[in-house]
Amino acid sequence: MTTRIELNKRMVEVYSSPENWTKDKVYIFDPQLQVTEQESCQIMEYLYSEGFIEDRRTLKELVRIEY
């Protein structure tokens, strides 16, 4: 299942596996190359506290599209 949400003017996609949380992944889109490690950790904490992800150790990837 895929969930798309906008947080802090950032598009975030959460891919949830029905099998196990270790297969879940969060993509944080950062086309302006402005997301810091601290901000990405805050986004992950929010996703965890709001129930979008099951574990804080869920993999995350910053998607930086460069032209």
N, C-alpha and C. Protein backbone atom coordinates (compact mmCIF):
# COMPACT_ATOMS: atom_id res chain seq x y z
N MET A 1 0.84 -1.18 0.00
CA MET A 1 0.00 0.00 0.00
C MET A 1 0.89 1.25 0.00
N THR A 2 0.50 2.24 -0.75
CA THR A 2 1.24 3.49 -0.84
C THR A 2 0.39 4.62 -0.29
N THR A 3 1.00 5.42 0.57
CA THR A 3 0.34 6.60 1.12
C THR A 3 1.17 7.81 0.76
N ARG A 4 0.54 8.83 0.20
CA ARG A 4 1.22 10.08 -0.13
C ARG A 4 0.67 11.18 0.75
N ILE A 5 1.59 11.91 1.37
CA ILE A 5 1.18 13.05 2.20
C ILE A 5 2.17 14.19 1.98
N GLU A 6 1.73 15.39 2.30
CA GLU A 6 2.60 16.56 2.21
C GLU A 6 2.90 17.03 3.61
N LEU A 7 4.19 17.11 3.94
CA LEU A 7 4.64 17.57 5.26
C LEU A 7 5.68 18.66 5.05
N ASN A 8 5.48 19.79 5.71
CA ASN A 8 6.44 20.89 5.60
C ASN A 8 6.76 21.23 4.15
N LYS A 9 5.74 21.23 3.32
CA LYS A 9 5.88 21.51 1.88
C LYS A 9 6.76 20.50 1.18
N ARG A 10 6.84 19.30 1.73
CA ARG A 10 7.60 18.20 1.13
C ARG A 10 6.63 17.06 0.82
N MET A 11 6.76 16.48 -0.35
CA MET A 11 5.96 15.31 -0.68
C MET A 11 6.65 14.09 -0.09
N VAL A 12 5.86 13.28 0.61
CA VAL A 12 6.38 12.08 1.25
C VAL A 12 5.52 10.90 0.82
N GLU A 13 6.16 9.82 0.40
CA GLU A 13 5.46 8.59 0.05
C GLU A 13 5.89 7.49 1.01
N VAL A 14 4.89 6.80 1.55
CA VAL A 14 5.15 5.69 2.47
C VAL A 14 4.68 4.41 1.80
N TYR A 15 5.61 3.50 1.55
CA TYR A 15 5.29 2.19 0.99
C TYR A 15 5.23 1.20 2.13
N SER A 16 4.05 0.63 2.37
CA SER A 16 3.85 -0.30 3.47
C SER A 16 3.65 -1.70 2.92
N SER A 17 4.43 -2.63 3.44
CA SER A 17 4.30 -4.03 3.05
C SER A 17 3.30 -4.72 3.97
N PRO A 18 2.40 -5.51 3.43
CA PRO A 18 1.45 -6.22 4.29
C PRO A 18 2.13 -7.36 5.06
N GLU A 19 3.33 -7.74 4.63
CA GLU A 19 4.02 -8.87 5.25
C GLU A 19 4.76 -8.48 6.53
N ASN A 20 5.61 -7.44 6.45
CA ASN A 20 6.49 -7.13 7.57
C ASN A 20 6.97 -5.69 7.44
N TRP A 21 7.08 -4.98 8.56
CA TRP A 21 7.50 -3.58 8.52
C TRP A 21 8.91 -3.41 7.97
N THR A 22 9.75 -4.44 8.04
CA THR A 22 11.12 -4.30 7.54
C THR A 22 11.18 -4.11 6.03
N LYS A 23 10.09 -4.36 5.36
CA LYS A 23 10.02 -4.15 3.91
C LYS A 23 9.42 -2.80 3.55
N ASP A 24 9.03 -2.03 4.56
CA ASP A 24 8.47 -0.70 4.33
C ASP A 24 9.59 0.28 3.96
N LYS A 25 9.20 1.36 3.28
CA LYS A 25 10.18 2.38 2.91
C LYS A 25 9.49 3.72 2.78
N VAL A 26 10.19 4.76 3.18
CA VAL A 26 9.69 6.13 3.09
C VAL A 26 10.55 6.89 2.10
N TYR A 27 9.90 7.56 1.15
CA TYR A 27 10.59 8.41 0.19
C TYR A 27 10.23 9.85 0.50
N ILE A 28 11.25 10.67 0.72
CA ILE A 28 11.05 12.10 0.97
C ILE A 28 11.59 12.83 -0.26
N PHE A 29 10.71 13.48 -0.99
CA PHE A 29 11.10 14.15 -2.22
C PHE A 29 11.67 15.53 -1.91
N ASP A 30 12.85 15.79 -2.44
CA ASP A 30 13.59 17.02 -2.15
C ASP A 30 14.20 17.60 -3.42
N PRO A 31 13.37 18.11 -4.34
CA PRO A 31 13.91 18.60 -5.61
C PRO A 31 14.79 19.86 -5.46
N GLN A 32 14.60 20.63 -4.38
CA GLN A 32 15.41 21.83 -4.18
C GLN A 32 16.68 21.56 -3.37
N LEU A 33 16.90 20.29 -2.98
CA LEU A 33 18.08 19.89 -2.21
C LEU A 33 18.20 20.67 -0.90
N GLN A 34 17.08 20.77 -0.18
CA GLN A 34 17.06 21.56 1.05
C GLN A 34 16.78 20.75 2.31
N VAL A 35 16.42 19.50 2.19
CA VAL A 35 16.08 18.70 3.38
C VAL A 35 17.36 18.29 4.10
N THR A 36 17.44 18.65 5.38
CA THR A 36 18.59 18.27 6.19
C THR A 36 18.34 16.92 6.83
N GLU A 37 19.37 16.32 7.37
CA GLU A 37 19.22 15.04 8.08
C GLU A 37 18.29 15.21 9.28
N GLN A 38 18.41 16.34 9.96
CA GLN A 38 17.54 16.61 11.12
C GLN A 38 16.07 16.68 10.69
N GLU A 39 15.79 17.36 9.58
CA GLU A 39 14.41 17.47 9.11
C GLU A 39 13.87 16.10 8.68
N SER A 40 14.70 15.30 8.03
CA SER A 40 14.24 13.98 7.61
C SER A 40 13.94 13.10 8.84
N CYS A 41 14.73 13.25 9.90
CA CYS A 41 14.46 12.51 11.15
C CYS A 41 13.17 12.99 11.80
N GLN A 42 12.89 14.28 11.74
CA GLN A 42 11.64 14.82 12.28
C GLN A 42 10.44 14.30 11.49
N ILE A 43 10.59 14.21 10.19
CA ILE A 43 9.51 13.66 9.35
C ILE A 43 9.25 12.21 9.74
N MET A 44 10.32 11.43 9.91
CA MET A 44 10.17 10.02 10.29
C MET A 44 9.50 9.89 11.67
N GLU A 45 9.88 10.75 12.60
CA GLU A 45 9.28 10.72 13.93
C GLU A 45 7.78 11.03 13.85
N TYR A 46 7.42 12.03 13.03
CA TYR A 46 6.01 12.35 12.84
C TYR A 46 5.25 11.17 12.24
N LEU A 47 5.82 10.55 11.20
CA LEU A 47 5.16 9.41 10.57
C LEU A 47 4.95 8.27 11.57
N TYR A 48 5.92 8.07 12.44
CA TYR A 48 5.79 7.02 13.46
C TYR A 48 4.71 7.39 14.48
N SER A 49 4.75 8.61 14.99
CA SER A 49 3.80 9.01 16.04
C SER A 49 2.36 9.06 15.53
N GLU A 50 2.18 9.30 14.23
CA GLU A 50 0.84 9.34 13.66
C GLU A 50 0.39 8.00 13.08
N GLY A 51 1.24 6.98 13.19
CA GLY A 51 0.84 5.64 12.77
C GLY A 51 1.03 5.32 11.29
N PHE A 52 1.76 6.17 10.57
CA PHE A 52 2.00 5.89 9.15
C PHE A 52 3.05 4.78 8.98
N ILE A 53 3.99 4.69 9.93
CA ILE A 53 4.99 3.62 9.91
C ILE A 53 4.96 2.90 11.25
N GLU A 54 5.33 1.61 11.23
CA GLU A 54 5.26 0.79 12.44
C GLU A 54 6.49 0.87 13.32
N ASP A 55 7.61 1.27 12.75
CA ASP A 55 8.86 1.25 13.51
C ASP A 55 9.74 2.43 13.10
N ARG A 56 10.45 2.98 14.07
CA ARG A 56 11.33 4.12 13.79
C ARG A 56 12.51 3.74 12.89
N ARG A 57 12.81 2.45 12.81
CA ARG A 57 13.93 1.99 11.99
C ARG A 57 13.56 1.78 10.52
N THR A 58 12.36 2.16 10.14
CA THR A 58 11.92 2.04 8.75
C THR A 58 12.91 2.78 7.84
N LEU A 59 13.25 2.16 6.73
CA LEU A 59 14.19 2.78 5.79
C LEU A 59 13.61 4.05 5.18
N LYS A 60 14.48 5.03 4.98
CA LYS A 60 14.06 6.27 4.32
C LYS A 60 15.04 6.59 3.22
N GLU A 61 14.53 7.28 2.22
CA GLU A 61 15.39 7.72 1.12
C GLU A 61 15.01 9.12 0.72
N LEU A 62 16.00 9.99 0.63
CA LEU A 62 15.78 11.33 0.11
C LEU A 62 15.89 11.25 -1.40
N VAL A 63 14.84 11.65 -2.08
CA VAL A 63 14.82 11.60 -3.55
C VAL A 63 15.17 13.00 -4.03
N ARG A 64 16.35 13.10 -4.60
CA ARG A 64 16.86 14.40 -5.06
C ARG A 64 17.03 14.35 -6.57
N ILE A 65 16.15 15.01 -7.25
CA ILE A 65 16.17 15.02 -8.70
C ILE A 65 17.03 16.21 -9.13
N GLU A 66 18.12 15.92 -9.79
CA GLU A 66 19.00 16.97 -10.25
C GLU A 66 18.93 17.08 -11.76
N TYR A 67 18.93 18.29 -12.26
CA TYR A 67 18.84 18.52 -13.70
C TYR A 67 20.18 18.89 -14.25
